[in-house]
Amino acid sequence: MLITVKVHPRAAHPGIEKTGEGEYKVRVAAAPDKGRANEEAIELLAAHFSLPKSRISVLRGTTSRIKIIEVLTE
């Protein structure tokens, strides 16, 4: 499944909020430096969907706040 994620780096309270059908807002504590915010976003999404991190990947938007992420559920 493909989801759209808006990542908010340097958040005081990390977490995930579903904003619509297939749309999420992910708050991460990490700064957007060397992919650290992306890594933390993947970790949070993996915990949210109860999947290993290897089942989640960023398809588009690695340097953007808005990302298209693939979640392999099967």
N, C-alpha and C. Protein backbone atom coordinates (compact mmCIF):
# COMPACT_ATOMS: atom_id res chain seq x y z
N MET A 1 0.84 -1.16 0.00
CA MET A 1 0.00 0.00 0.00
C MET A 1 0.89 1.23 0.00
N LEU A 2 0.45 2.28 -0.68
CA LEU A 2 1.17 3.54 -0.72
C LEU A 2 0.47 4.54 0.19
N ILE A 3 1.28 5.26 0.97
CA ILE A 3 0.72 6.29 1.84
C ILE A 3 1.49 7.59 1.63
N THR A 4 0.83 8.69 1.90
CA THR A 4 1.47 10.01 1.85
C THR A 4 1.74 10.44 3.28
N VAL A 5 2.98 10.84 3.52
CA VAL A 5 3.40 11.19 4.88
C VAL A 5 4.01 12.58 4.86
N LYS A 6 3.56 13.42 5.77
CA LYS A 6 4.18 14.73 5.98
C LYS A 6 5.00 14.63 7.26
N VAL A 7 6.30 14.81 7.14
CA VAL A 7 7.21 14.64 8.27
C VAL A 7 7.53 16.00 8.88
N HIS A 8 7.40 16.08 10.20
CA HIS A 8 7.74 17.29 10.95
C HIS A 8 8.98 16.98 11.80
N PRO A 9 10.17 17.39 11.35
CA PRO A 9 11.39 17.12 12.12
C PRO A 9 11.50 18.03 13.33
N ARG A 10 12.36 17.62 14.25
CA ARG A 10 12.64 18.36 15.49
C ARG A 10 11.38 18.62 16.32
N ALA A 11 10.50 17.64 16.37
CA ALA A 11 9.27 17.78 17.15
C ALA A 11 9.54 17.49 18.62
N ALA A 12 8.85 18.19 19.47
CA ALA A 12 9.01 17.98 20.91
C ALA A 12 8.39 16.66 21.35
N HIS A 13 7.30 16.26 20.68
CA HIS A 13 6.60 15.03 21.05
C HIS A 13 6.42 14.16 19.80
N PRO A 14 7.33 13.21 19.56
CA PRO A 14 7.23 12.36 18.38
C PRO A 14 5.94 11.53 18.40
N GLY A 15 5.41 11.28 17.22
CA GLY A 15 4.21 10.48 17.11
C GLY A 15 3.64 10.47 15.71
N ILE A 16 2.55 9.73 15.54
CA ILE A 16 1.89 9.60 14.25
C ILE A 16 0.43 10.01 14.39
N GLU A 17 -0.05 10.74 13.40
CA GLU A 17 -1.46 11.16 13.37
C GLU A 17 -2.00 10.87 11.98
N LYS A 18 -3.12 10.15 11.90
CA LYS A 18 -3.75 9.89 10.61
C LYS A 18 -4.60 11.09 10.26
N THR A 19 -4.33 11.70 9.09
CA THR A 19 -5.03 12.91 8.69
C THR A 19 -6.08 12.66 7.61
N GLY A 20 -6.04 11.49 7.01
CA GLY A 20 -7.00 11.17 5.96
C GLY A 20 -6.79 9.75 5.49
N GLU A 21 -7.51 9.37 4.44
CA GLU A 21 -7.37 8.03 3.89
C GLU A 21 -6.01 7.93 3.20
N GLY A 22 -5.10 7.17 3.79
CA GLY A 22 -3.77 7.00 3.23
C GLY A 22 -2.85 8.19 3.45
N GLU A 23 -3.19 9.06 4.38
CA GLU A 23 -2.39 10.24 4.68
C GLU A 23 -2.07 10.30 6.17
N TYR A 24 -0.81 10.56 6.48
CA TYR A 24 -0.36 10.60 7.87
C TYR A 24 0.53 11.80 8.10
N LYS A 25 0.55 12.27 9.35
CA LYS A 25 1.48 13.28 9.79
C LYS A 25 2.38 12.59 10.82
N VAL A 26 3.69 12.63 10.58
CA VAL A 26 4.64 11.96 11.47
C VAL A 26 5.56 13.02 12.07
N ARG A 27 5.56 13.10 13.39
CA ARG A 27 6.44 14.03 14.10
C ARG A 27 7.64 13.25 14.62
N VAL A 28 8.85 13.70 14.27
CA VAL A 28 10.07 13.02 14.69
C VAL A 28 10.96 14.00 15.45
N ALA A 29 11.72 13.48 16.40
CA ALA A 29 12.62 14.31 17.19
C ALA A 29 13.91 14.62 16.44
N ALA A 30 14.27 13.79 15.47
CA ALA A 30 15.53 13.95 14.75
C ALA A 30 15.49 15.15 13.82
N ALA A 31 16.67 15.70 13.58
CA ALA A 31 16.82 16.79 12.62
C ALA A 31 16.90 16.19 11.21
N PRO A 32 16.53 16.97 10.20
CA PRO A 32 16.60 16.45 8.83
C PRO A 32 18.03 16.49 8.30
N ASP A 33 18.91 15.76 8.94
CA ASP A 33 20.33 15.77 8.61
C ASP A 33 20.79 14.35 8.31
N LYS A 34 21.32 14.13 7.11
CA LYS A 34 21.86 12.83 6.70
C LYS A 34 20.83 11.71 6.80
N GLY A 35 19.57 12.02 6.57
CA GLY A 35 18.53 10.99 6.55
C GLY A 35 18.05 10.52 7.91
N ARG A 36 18.47 11.19 8.96
CA ARG A 36 18.07 10.75 10.31
C ARG A 36 16.56 10.88 10.54
N ALA A 37 15.95 11.95 10.03
CA ALA A 37 14.50 12.12 10.19
C ALA A 37 13.75 11.04 9.43
N ASN A 38 14.24 10.68 8.24
CA ASN A 38 13.61 9.60 7.47
C ASN A 38 13.70 8.27 8.22
N GLU A 39 14.86 7.99 8.79
CA GLU A 39 15.04 6.75 9.54
C GLU A 39 14.09 6.68 10.73
N GLU A 40 13.96 7.77 11.45
CA GLU A 40 13.07 7.78 12.61
C GLU A 40 11.61 7.66 12.17
N ALA A 41 11.26 8.30 11.05
CA ALA A 41 9.89 8.19 10.53
C ALA A 41 9.58 6.75 10.16
N ILE A 42 10.53 6.06 9.54
CA ILE A 42 10.32 4.65 9.18
C ILE A 42 10.16 3.80 10.44
N GLU A 43 10.95 4.08 11.47
CA GLU A 43 10.83 3.34 12.72
C GLU A 43 9.45 3.53 13.35
N LEU A 44 8.96 4.77 13.36
CA LEU A 44 7.64 5.04 13.94
C LEU A 44 6.54 4.37 13.12
N LEU A 45 6.64 4.43 11.80
CA LEU A 45 5.63 3.79 10.96
C LEU A 45 5.65 2.28 11.12
N ALA A 46 6.85 1.71 11.25
CA ALA A 46 6.96 0.26 11.46
C ALA A 46 6.28 -0.15 12.76
N ALA A 47 6.47 0.62 13.81
CA ALA A 47 5.82 0.32 15.08
C ALA A 47 4.31 0.51 14.97
N HIS A 48 3.88 1.54 14.25
CA HIS A 48 2.45 1.82 14.09
C HIS A 48 1.73 0.70 13.35
N PHE A 49 2.35 0.19 12.28
CA PHE A 49 1.74 -0.88 11.49
C PHE A 49 2.12 -2.27 11.97
N SER A 50 2.92 -2.38 13.02
CA SER A 50 3.40 -3.66 13.58
C SER A 50 4.10 -4.49 12.50
N LEU A 51 5.03 -3.84 11.82
CA LEU A 51 5.81 -4.49 10.76
C LEU A 51 7.30 -4.24 11.01
N PRO A 52 8.16 -5.08 10.44
CA PRO A 52 9.59 -4.77 10.53
C PRO A 52 9.93 -3.58 9.64
N LYS A 53 11.01 -2.87 9.99
CA LYS A 53 11.41 -1.69 9.23
C LYS A 53 11.71 -2.01 7.77
N SER A 54 12.14 -3.23 7.50
CA SER A 54 12.49 -3.62 6.13
C SER A 54 11.27 -3.64 5.21
N ARG A 55 10.06 -3.62 5.75
CA ARG A 55 8.83 -3.65 4.95
C ARG A 55 8.33 -2.26 4.58
N ILE A 56 9.07 -1.22 4.99
CA ILE A 56 8.67 0.17 4.74
C ILE A 56 9.80 0.88 4.01
N SER A 57 9.47 1.57 2.92
CA SER A 57 10.51 2.28 2.17
C SER A 57 9.95 3.58 1.60
N VAL A 58 10.83 4.57 1.48
CA VAL A 58 10.48 5.86 0.91
C VAL A 58 10.65 5.76 -0.60
N LEU A 59 9.56 5.95 -1.34
CA LEU A 59 9.62 5.89 -2.79
C LEU A 59 9.98 7.25 -3.39
N ARG A 60 9.35 8.31 -2.89
CA ARG A 60 9.59 9.66 -3.39
C ARG A 60 9.64 10.63 -2.22
N GLY A 61 10.48 11.65 -2.36
CA GLY A 61 10.52 12.71 -1.37
C GLY A 61 11.52 12.51 -0.26
N THR A 62 12.66 11.88 -0.55
CA THR A 62 13.64 11.64 0.52
C THR A 62 14.17 12.93 1.12
N THR A 63 14.20 14.02 0.35
CA THR A 63 14.67 15.30 0.89
C THR A 63 13.54 16.30 1.10
N SER A 64 12.31 15.86 0.92
CA SER A 64 11.15 16.72 1.08
C SER A 64 10.41 16.35 2.37
N ARG A 65 9.59 17.25 2.87
CA ARG A 65 8.78 16.93 4.05
C ARG A 65 7.62 16.03 3.70
N ILE A 66 7.13 16.14 2.47
CA ILE A 66 6.02 15.29 2.02
C ILE A 66 6.60 14.12 1.24
N LYS A 67 6.30 12.92 1.69
CA LYS A 67 6.89 11.71 1.13
C LYS A 67 5.82 10.72 0.69
N ILE A 68 6.14 9.94 -0.31
CA ILE A 68 5.32 8.81 -0.71
C ILE A 68 6.05 7.58 -0.18
N ILE A 69 5.38 6.83 0.69
CA ILE A 69 6.00 5.68 1.35
C ILE A 69 5.24 4.43 1.00
N GLU A 70 5.99 3.37 0.71
CA GLU A 70 5.41 2.07 0.42
C GLU A 70 5.47 1.21 1.67
N VAL A 71 4.32 0.65 2.03
CA VAL A 71 4.21 -0.24 3.18
C VAL A 71 3.81 -1.61 2.65
N LEU A 72 4.71 -2.58 2.78
CA LEU A 72 4.43 -3.93 2.30
C LEU A 72 3.78 -4.72 3.43
N THR A 73 2.47 -4.95 3.30
CA THR A 73 1.73 -5.63 4.36
C THR A 73 1.58 -7.12 4.11
N GLU A 74 1.82 -7.58 2.90
CA GLU A 74 1.67 -9.00 2.60
C GLU A 74 2.98 -9.69 2.49
